[in-house]
Amino acid sequence: MSQLLYEVRNTLRVHHYAMKTEKSYVQWIKRFILFHNKQHPAKMGKPEVEQFLTSLAVVRKAAPSTQNQALQAILAALPSQYQMIGKLFYGSGLRLMECLVYA
């Protein structure tokens, strides 16, 4: 997990995100991973993101803006050249391995 977070921080810094945004995104990514029993995000897809966001909305009664920030943080974990692909994977409900089969 630390390698992933290191890469996230580097990507955010390269794109000149504010330090406050970086800290927030890293915290959301950690929460997402812990919510799914420390499973690596590469092995998860749209259903896991939806479970996490649903938990925020229903259990924690988080505001829509909080849920959106959590989603953006998860997508920001991807290197910049893969963010659009990640958003397409998420939007279509595909997992990483499902996409690699067709590559």
Protein backbone atom coordinates (compact mmCIF):
# COMPACT_ATOMS: atom_id res chain seq x y z
CA MET A 1 0.00 0.00 0.00
CA SER A 2 2.82 2.41 0.72
CA GLN A 3 4.12 2.17 -2.87
CA LEU A 4 0.67 3.08 -4.16
CA LEU A 5 0.40 6.09 -1.86
CA TYR A 6 3.92 7.18 -2.78
CA GLU A 7 2.92 7.15 -6.46
CA VAL A 8 -0.30 9.02 -5.69
CA ARG A 9 1.61 11.73 -3.86
CA ASN A 10 4.12 12.07 -6.68
CA THR A 11 1.40 12.29 -9.31
CA LEU A 12 -0.47 14.95 -7.37
CA ARG A 13 2.70 16.96 -6.85
CA VAL A 14 3.63 16.79 -10.53
CA HIS A 15 0.21 18.26 -11.32
CA HIS A 16 0.61 20.95 -8.66
CA TYR A 17 -2.27 19.94 -6.43
CA ALA A 18 -2.47 21.80 -3.14
CA MET A 19 -0.95 20.03 -0.13
CA LYS A 20 -4.35 20.04 1.55
CA THR A 21 -5.86 18.26 -1.47
CA GLU A 22 -3.04 15.73 -1.48
CA LYS A 23 -3.58 14.91 2.19
CA SER A 24 -7.32 14.60 1.67
CA TYR A 25 -6.97 12.30 -1.35
CA VAL A 26 -4.44 10.07 0.42
CA GLN A 27 -6.77 9.77 3.42
CA TRP A 28 -9.71 8.81 1.18
CA ILE A 29 -7.62 6.20 -0.62
CA LYS A 30 -6.54 4.73 2.74
CA ARG A 31 -10.16 4.63 3.92
CA PHE A 32 -11.24 2.91 0.70
CA ILE A 33 -8.53 0.26 1.04
CA LEU A 34 -9.28 -0.34 4.73
CA PHE A 35 -13.03 -0.51 4.02
CA HIS A 36 -12.30 -3.44 1.69
CA ASN A 37 -10.04 -5.29 4.15
CA LYS A 38 -6.76 -4.00 2.68
CA GLN A 39 -7.47 -5.32 -0.80
CA HIS A 40 -5.36 -3.59 -3.45
CA PRO A 41 -7.38 -1.12 -5.58
CA ALA A 42 -6.13 -2.78 -8.78
CA LYS A 43 -8.21 -5.83 -7.85
CA MET A 44 -11.36 -3.82 -7.33
CA GLY A 45 -13.77 -2.06 -9.63
CA LYS A 46 -17.05 -0.22 -9.83
CA PRO A 47 -18.95 -2.46 -7.36
CA GLU A 48 -16.38 -1.83 -4.62
CA VAL A 49 -16.37 1.91 -5.25
CA GLU A 50 -20.17 1.93 -5.12
CA GLN A 51 -20.15 -0.06 -1.85
CA PHE A 52 -17.75 2.44 -0.33
CA LEU A 53 -19.72 5.48 -1.52
CA THR A 54 -23.00 3.90 -0.41
CA SER A 55 -21.52 3.32 3.02
CA LEU A 56 -20.52 6.98 3.17
CA ALA A 57 -24.02 8.06 2.21
CA VAL A 58 -26.09 5.62 4.27
CA VAL A 59 -23.98 4.79 7.32
CA ARG A 60 -22.00 7.98 7.74
CA LYS A 61 -24.67 10.22 6.15
CA ALA A 62 -21.97 12.05 4.20
CA ALA A 63 -22.92 14.97 1.99
CA PRO A 64 -22.85 14.45 -1.79
CA SER A 65 -19.80 16.72 -2.02
CA THR A 66 -17.97 14.43 0.42
CA GLN A 67 -18.87 11.39 -1.65
CA ASN A 68 -17.65 13.14 -4.80
CA GLN A 69 -14.36 14.05 -3.12
CA ALA A 70 -13.90 10.38 -2.15
CA LEU A 71 -14.54 9.24 -5.72
CA GLN A 72 -12.14 11.80 -7.17
CA ALA A 73 -9.46 10.76 -4.67
CA ILE A 74 -9.77 7.12 -5.73
CA LEU A 75 -9.50 8.07 -9.42
CA ALA A 76 -6.60 10.42 -8.66
CA ALA A 77 -4.68 7.38 -7.42
CA LEU A 78 -4.10 6.52 -11.06
CA PRO A 79 -1.12 7.97 -12.93
CA SER A 80 -2.29 10.88 -15.07
CA GLN A 81 -1.97 9.03 -18.37
CA TYR A 82 -4.37 6.35 -17.07
CA GLN A 83 -6.98 8.51 -15.36
CA MET A 84 -9.29 8.71 -18.38
CA ILE A 85 -9.06 4.94 -18.80
CA GLY A 86 -9.86 4.51 -15.11
CA LYS A 87 -12.88 6.75 -15.40
CA LEU A 88 -14.09 4.74 -18.39
CA PHE A 89 -13.52 1.46 -16.49
CA TYR A 90 -15.47 2.82 -13.54
CA GLY A 91 -18.27 4.19 -15.68
CA SER A 92 -18.67 0.91 -17.55
CA GLY A 93 -18.31 -1.28 -14.46
CA LEU A 94 -15.23 -3.15 -15.70
CA ARG A 95 -12.41 -4.44 -13.51
CA LEU A 96 -8.75 -4.22 -14.44
CA MET A 97 -8.41 -7.90 -15.33
CA GLU A 98 -11.53 -7.75 -17.49
CA CYS A 99 -10.01 -4.89 -19.48
CA LEU A 100 -6.64 -6.61 -19.86
CA VAL A 101 -8.31 -9.65 -21.43
CA TYR A 102 -9.46 -7.45 -24.30
CA ALA A 103 -6.25 -5.44 -24.67
